[in-house]
């Protein structure tokens, strides 16, 4: 690989994603849970579906939804009251800020995924160029040996021709063995602000994600007993162990600390890192779906239209 290509590879590997997703967008985050059997729970579960209420608790909208639902029962005219509109506006503002937190976290993960994928692509290209050169060298050596042996046979130098055939075969075989024993190219790949670390270690307070996002990721799913963080941790544990086992079966290698501050990565390890980042990004983007469900159910008043559950 040329010095220019190597510089480009190092520049991509060192290109940190300057996205700070650890702070809220300006609202005070106060998650509010529904007390089982309470009047508020009875009121809201008759108005909203489980996924909408799950998100409402994460955003801290339960008190506002109770107030809005009570006001809805008092609305009799075609024009909403000032109090009703004020509560709706407050809820809308908080949902927009929550959406901004989700978008910022998604942007960070998207940037990190593309960075890992691009670095892996450049490393793979570097390895392919090296293998191509060795293949061309082996073919050239074999061709030279065959041509030389043929010329020697024409001059009745059969013994020398046989030795040249042997030398060519040994040379080709040596290049093949050398190609098999070549280590995959690696690059120093720092990630001091590592989005994967918080999912792996699951601290009480995240240093990488806004409180809303972190709270949501640590709550049990509606249709499952585990939280997103627990599911991802189990999945990544399996992925990293399978990757390590596969490498051990081929050759000795250096373990990569995917959840630390960086290390020496090869293309395969970077691809695995991009996969884990992509899984986390998908889960965070799904928050927008629940946020949309909540918004749709808020604007769909009980005036004859069905409320989606």
Protein backbone atom coordinates (compact mmCIF):
# COMPACT_ATOMS: atom_id res chain seq x y z
CA UNK A 1 0.00 0.00 0.00
CA UNK A 2 1.31 3.45 -0.90
CA UNK A 3 2.20 5.98 1.77
CA UNK A 4 -0.75 8.11 0.67
CA UNK A 5 -3.17 5.19 1.11
CA UNK A 6 -1.69 4.39 4.50
CA UNK A 7 -2.11 8.01 5.59
CA UNK A 8 -5.74 7.93 4.44
CA UNK A 9 -6.33 4.73 6.43
CA UNK A 10 -4.79 6.21 9.57
CA UNK A 11 -6.78 9.42 9.14
CA UNK A 12 -10.07 7.52 8.91
CA UNK A 13 -9.20 5.37 11.93
CA UNK A 14 -8.38 8.46 14.01
CA UNK A 15 -11.41 10.47 12.85
CA UNK A 16 -13.43 10.66 16.05
CA UNK A 17 -17.18 11.29 15.89
CA UNK A 18 -17.71 14.65 17.57
CA UNK A 19 -21.30 14.03 18.63
CA UNK A 20 -22.15 14.56 22.30
CA UNK A 21 -25.28 12.53 23.01
CA UNK A 22 -24.96 12.46 26.80
CA UNK A 23 -27.08 15.52 27.59
CA UNK A 24 -30.76 16.29 27.30
CA UNK A 25 -32.06 18.85 24.83
CA UNK A 26 -33.14 21.30 27.50
CA UNK A 27 -35.91 19.71 29.54
CA UNK A 28 -35.64 18.24 33.01
CA UNK A 29 -35.94 14.50 32.67
CA UNK A 30 -38.28 13.00 35.28
CA UNK A 31 -39.53 9.53 34.35
CA UNK A 32 -42.92 8.84 35.88
CA UNK A 33 -44.22 5.33 36.47
CA UNK A 34 -47.84 4.26 36.68
CA UNK A 35 -48.82 2.73 39.99
CA UNK A 36 -50.59 -0.57 39.44
CA UNK A 37 -54.26 -0.39 40.39
CA UNK A 38 -54.26 3.39 40.78
CA UNK A 39 -56.98 5.63 39.38
CA UNK A 40 -54.41 7.16 36.99
CA UNK A 41 -53.56 3.74 35.58
CA UNK A 42 -57.21 2.87 35.05
CA UNK A 43 -57.82 6.21 33.36
CA UNK A 44 -54.83 6.07 31.01
CA UNK A 45 -55.06 2.38 30.11
CA UNK A 46 -58.57 3.03 28.90
CA UNK A 47 -57.24 5.78 26.62
CA UNK A 48 -53.74 4.66 25.54
CA UNK A 49 -52.13 1.44 24.41
CA UNK A 50 -49.24 -0.29 26.25
CA UNK A 51 -46.48 0.90 23.91
CA UNK A 52 -47.64 4.51 24.10
CA UNK A 53 -47.77 4.37 27.90
CA UNK A 54 -44.34 2.71 28.00
CA UNK A 55 -42.87 5.69 26.13
CA UNK A 56 -44.93 8.21 28.14
CA UNK A 57 -43.40 6.89 31.34
CA UNK A 58 -39.90 7.18 29.87
CA UNK A 59 -40.45 10.77 28.76
CA UNK A 60 -42.14 11.69 32.05
CA UNK A 61 -45.52 12.56 30.55
CA UNK A 62 -47.80 10.57 32.85
CA UNK A 63 -49.00 13.59 34.95
CA UNK A 64 -49.61 15.61 31.78
CA UNK A 65 -51.50 12.76 30.11
CA UNK A 66 -53.70 12.37 33.18
CA UNK A 67 -54.46 16.08 33.06
CA UNK A 68 -55.10 15.98 29.31
CA UNK A 69 -57.40 12.96 29.55
CA UNK A 70 -59.45 14.60 32.30
CA UNK A 71 -59.75 17.76 30.21
CA UNK A 72 -60.88 15.71 27.21
CA UNK A 73 -63.88 14.46 29.16
CA UNK A 74 -64.82 18.07 29.90
CA UNK A 75 -64.55 19.25 26.29
CA UNK A 76 -68.04 19.76 24.86
CA UNK A 77 -67.65 22.41 22.18
CA UNK A 78 -66.04 22.25 18.77
CA UNK A 79 -63.28 24.65 19.86
CA UNK A 80 -60.87 23.24 22.47
CA UNK A 81 -60.46 25.20 25.68
CA UNK A 82 -57.37 27.25 26.47
CA UNK A 83 -56.40 24.87 29.27
CA UNK A 84 -56.62 21.88 26.96
CA UNK A 85 -54.49 23.56 24.28
CA UNK A 86 -51.90 24.60 26.87
CA UNK A 87 -51.48 21.02 28.09
CA UNK A 88 -51.31 19.72 24.53
CA UNK A 89 -48.62 22.27 23.70
CA UNK A 90 -46.57 21.35 26.75
CA UNK A 91 -46.76 17.68 25.83
CA UNK A 92 -45.85 18.44 22.22
CA UNK A 93 -42.80 20.46 23.27
CA UNK A 94 -41.54 17.67 25.50
CA UNK A 95 -42.04 15.07 22.78
CA UNK A 96 -40.04 17.20 20.33
CA UNK A 97 -37.18 17.51 22.81
CA UNK A 98 -37.28 13.77 23.44
CA UNK A 99 -37.13 13.20 19.70
CA UNK A 100 -34.03 15.39 19.55
CA UNK A 101 -32.33 13.25 22.22
CA UNK A 102 -33.10 10.10 20.24
CA UNK A 103 -31.87 11.67 16.99
CA UNK A 104 -28.59 12.75 18.62
CA UNK A 105 -27.92 9.25 19.96
CA UNK A 106 -28.72 7.77 16.54
CA UNK A 107 -26.37 10.25 14.86
CA UNK A 108 -23.50 9.24 17.16
CA UNK A 109 -24.01 5.54 16.47
CA UNK A 110 -24.43 6.10 12.74
CA UNK A 111 -21.13 8.02 12.66
CA UNK A 112 -19.29 5.35 14.64
CA UNK A 113 -20.72 2.56 12.46
CA UNK A 114 -19.63 4.27 9.24
CA UNK A 115 -16.19 4.99 10.68
CA UNK A 116 -15.65 1.32 11.64
CA UNK A 117 -17.04 0.07 8.30
CA UNK A 118 -14.89 2.42 6.22
CA UNK A 119 -11.74 1.53 8.17
CA UNK A 120 -12.50 -2.19 7.74
CA UNK A 121 -13.00 -1.67 4.00
CA UNK A 122 -9.64 0.10 3.64
CA UNK A 123 -7.88 -2.62 5.65
CA UNK A 124 -9.49 -5.32 3.49
CA UNK A 125 -8.38 -3.48 0.35
CA UNK A 126 -4.85 -3.32 1.73
CA UNK A 127 -4.87 -7.07 2.40
CA UNK A 128 -6.29 -7.81 -1.05
CA UNK A 129 -3.52 -5.78 -2.72
CA UNK A 130 -0.89 -7.73 -0.80
CA UNK A 131 -2.46 -11.07 -1.71
CA UNK A 132 -2.76 -10.00 -5.34
CA UNK A 133 0.94 -9.16 -5.48
CA UNK A 134 1.89 -12.53 -3.99
CA UNK A 135 -0.39 -14.33 -6.45
CA UNK A 136 1.14 -12.49 -9.40
CA UNK A 137 4.62 -13.30 -8.07
CA UNK A 138 3.75 -16.99 -7.80
CA UNK A 139 2.30 -17.07 -11.32
CA UNK A 140 5.30 -15.23 -12.73
CA UNK A 141 7.73 -17.57 -10.98
CA UNK A 142 5.88 -20.61 -12.29
CA UNK A 143 5.78 -19.23 -15.83
CA UNK A 144 9.50 -18.42 -15.79
CA UNK A 145 10.29 -21.92 -14.52
CA UNK A 146 8.18 -23.56 -17.24
CA UNK A 147 9.64 -21.42 -20.03
CA UNK A 148 13.18 -21.93 -18.78
CA UNK A 149 12.71 -25.69 -18.45
CA UNK A 150 11.23 -25.86 -21.95
CA UNK A 151 14.24 -24.03 -23.40
CA UNK A 152 16.62 -26.37 -21.57
CA UNK A 153 14.76 -29.41 -22.90
CA UNK A 154 15.12 -28.04 -26.43
CA UNK A 155 18.88 -28.02 -25.88
CA UNK A 156 18.81 -31.55 -24.45
CA UNK A 157 19.59 -30.25 -20.94
CA UNK A 158 16.99 -32.51 -19.33
CA UNK A 159 18.59 -32.69 -15.89
CA UNK A 160 18.83 -28.92 -15.59
CA UNK A 161 15.26 -28.62 -16.85
CA UNK A 162 14.07 -31.03 -14.17
CA UNK A 163 15.88 -29.07 -11.48
CA UNK A 164 14.36 -25.84 -12.77
CA UNK A 165 10.90 -27.41 -12.61
CA UNK A 166 11.58 -28.39 -9.01
CA UNK A 167 12.86 -24.92 -8.14
CA UNK A 168 9.80 -23.32 -9.68
CA UNK A 169 7.49 -25.63 -7.77
CA UNK A 170 9.31 -24.98 -4.50
CA UNK A 171 9.16 -21.24 -5.14
CA UNK A 172 5.42 -21.33 -5.86
CA UNK A 173 4.79 -23.49 -2.82
CA UNK A 174 6.87 -21.18 -0.65
CA UNK A 175 4.89 -18.17 -1.76
CA UNK A 176 1.67 -20.06 -1.03
CA UNK A 177 2.80 -20.96 2.48
CA UNK A 178 3.95 -17.38 3.04
CA UNK A 179 0.53 -16.11 1.96
CA UNK A 180 -1.20 -18.45 4.41
CA UNK A 181 1.06 -17.39 7.27
CA UNK A 182 0.63 -13.70 6.65
CA UNK A 183 -1.10 -11.87 9.48
CA UNK A 184 -4.05 -9.66 8.66
CA UNK A 185 -3.09 -5.98 8.58
CA UNK A 186 -4.06 -4.05 11.70
CA UNK A 187 -4.56 -0.42 12.61
CA UNK A 188 -4.60 1.48 15.90
CA UNK A 189 -8.26 2.35 16.35
CA UNK A 190 -9.09 4.59 19.35
CA UNK A 191 -12.61 5.02 20.77
CA UNK A 192 -12.27 6.89 24.05
CA UNK A 193 -15.98 7.79 23.97
CA UNK A 194 -17.25 4.28 23.39
CA UNK A 195 -21.05 3.85 23.01
CA UNK A 196 -20.68 0.09 23.42
CA UNK A 197 -19.07 0.37 26.86
CA UNK A 198 -22.18 1.54 28.70
CA UNK A 199 -24.28 -1.27 27.25
CA UNK A 200 -21.64 -3.81 28.25
CA UNK A 201 -21.06 -2.49 31.79
CA UNK A 202 -24.61 -1.15 32.38
CA UNK A 203 -23.82 1.61 34.90
CA UNK A 204 -26.60 3.41 36.77
CA UNK A 205 -25.88 6.63 34.85
CA UNK A 206 -24.69 6.63 31.26
CA UNK A 207 -21.82 8.83 30.10
CA UNK A 208 -22.73 8.35 26.44
CA UNK A 209 -26.51 8.67 26.20
CA UNK A 210 -29.11 11.17 27.35
CA UNK A 211 -31.07 10.13 30.48
CA UNK A 212 -34.22 9.49 28.42
CA UNK A 213 -32.45 7.10 26.06
CA UNK A 214 -30.62 5.33 28.88
CA UNK A 215 -33.79 4.95 30.95
CA UNK A 216 -35.68 3.50 27.99
CA UNK A 217 -32.90 1.04 27.11
CA UNK A 218 -32.87 -0.28 30.68
CA UNK A 219 -36.61 -0.83 31.01
CA UNK A 220 -38.10 -4.27 30.25
CA UNK A 221 -39.73 -4.46 26.83
CA UNK A 222 -43.50 -4.65 26.55
CA UNK A 223 -43.34 -8.12 24.99
CA UNK A 224 -40.30 -9.44 26.88
CA UNK A 225 -38.94 -9.72 30.41
CA UNK A 226 -35.48 -8.40 29.58
CA UNK A 227 -34.40 -4.85 28.92
CA UNK A 228 -32.69 -3.86 25.67
CA UNK A 229 -29.32 -3.54 27.43
CA UNK A 230 -29.55 -7.11 28.76
CA UNK A 231 -30.51 -8.51 25.35
CA UNK A 232 -27.68 -6.67 23.61
CA UNK A 233 -25.17 -7.74 26.27
CA UNK A 234 -26.09 -11.42 25.73
CA UNK A 235 -25.92 -11.04 21.95
CA UNK A 236 -22.53 -9.31 22.03
CA UNK A 237 -21.14 -11.85 24.47
CA UNK A 238 -21.99 -14.58 21.98
CA UNK A 239 -20.67 -12.63 18.99
CA UNK A 240 -17.32 -11.83 20.59
CA UNK A 241 -16.83 -15.36 21.92
CA UNK A 242 -17.61 -16.91 18.52
CA UNK A 243 -15.26 -14.47 16.80
CA UNK A 244 -12.46 -15.21 19.27
CA UNK A 245 -13.00 -18.97 18.98
CA UNK A 246 -12.89 -18.75 15.19
CA UNK A 247 -9.62 -16.84 15.26
CA UNK A 248 -8.05 -19.21 17.78
CA UNK A 249 -8.84 -22.14 15.49
CA UNK A 250 -6.92 -20.46 12.64
CA UNK A 251 -3.97 -18.76 14.29
CA UNK A 252 -2.81 -16.97 17.41
CA UNK A 253 -4.14 -13.44 17.65
CA UNK A 254 -4.43 -10.46 19.93
CA UNK A 255 -7.74 -10.05 21.71
CA UNK A 256 -9.60 -6.84 20.93
CA UNK A 257 -11.22 -4.91 23.75
CA UNK A 258 -14.35 -3.74 21.96
CA UNK A 259 -15.65 -2.07 25.11
CA UNK A 260 -12.50 -0.20 26.18
CA UNK A 261 -10.85 2.96 24.87
CA UNK A 262 -9.40 1.45 21.70
CA UNK A 263 -6.84 -1.01 20.44
CA UNK A 264 -5.27 -2.71 17.46
CA UNK A 265 -8.02 -3.85 15.08
CA UNK A 266 -8.04 -5.92 11.93
CA UNK A 267 -10.81 -5.77 9.31
CA UNK A 268 -12.75 -8.68 10.83
CA UNK A 269 -12.76 -7.11 14.29
CA UNK A 270 -13.86 -3.75 12.89
CA UNK A 271 -16.70 -5.42 11.00
CA UNK A 272 -17.86 -7.04 14.24
CA UNK A 273 -17.67 -3.69 16.01
CA UNK A 274 -19.76 -2.10 13.24
CA UNK A 275 -22.32 -4.91 13.64
CA UNK A 276 -22.69 -4.25 17.37
CA UNK A 277 -23.00 -0.50 16.79
CA UNK A 278 -25.64 -1.14 14.14
CA UNK A 279 -27.67 -3.33 16.51
CA UNK A 280 -27.64 -0.61 19.14
CA UNK A 281 -28.57 2.07 16.61
CA UNK A 282 -31.53 -0.02 15.45
CA UNK A 283 -32.84 -0.31 19.02
CA UNK A 284 -32.55 3.43 19.57
CA UNK A 285 -34.25 4.22 16.26
CA UNK A 286 -37.13 1.98 17.34
CA UNK A 287 -37.75 4.47 20.15
CA UNK A 288 -38.98 6.88 17.48
CA UNK A 289 -41.61 4.33 16.52
CA UNK A 290 -42.98 4.24 20.08
CA UNK A 291 -42.77 8.02 20.23
CA UNK A 292 -44.85 8.22 17.03
CA UNK A 293 -47.42 5.78 18.44
CA UNK A 294 -47.74 7.95 21.56
CA UNK A 295 -48.16 11.12 19.51
CA UNK A 296 -50.78 9.51 17.26
CA UNK A 297 -52.77 8.35 20.26
CA UNK A 298 -52.58 11.78 21.87
CA UNK A 299 -53.97 13.55 18.81
CA UNK A 300 -56.64 10.85 18.24
CA UNK A 301 -59.23 11.96 20.74
CA UNK A 302 -62.08 9.67 21.72
CA UNK A 303 -64.55 11.24 19.36
CA UNK A 304 -65.60 8.14 17.50
CA UNK A 305 -62.20 7.23 16.11
CA UNK A 306 -60.48 4.11 17.40
CA UNK A 307 -57.40 4.37 19.57
CA UNK A 308 -54.56 2.15 18.37
CA UNK A 309 -53.35 -0.29 20.99
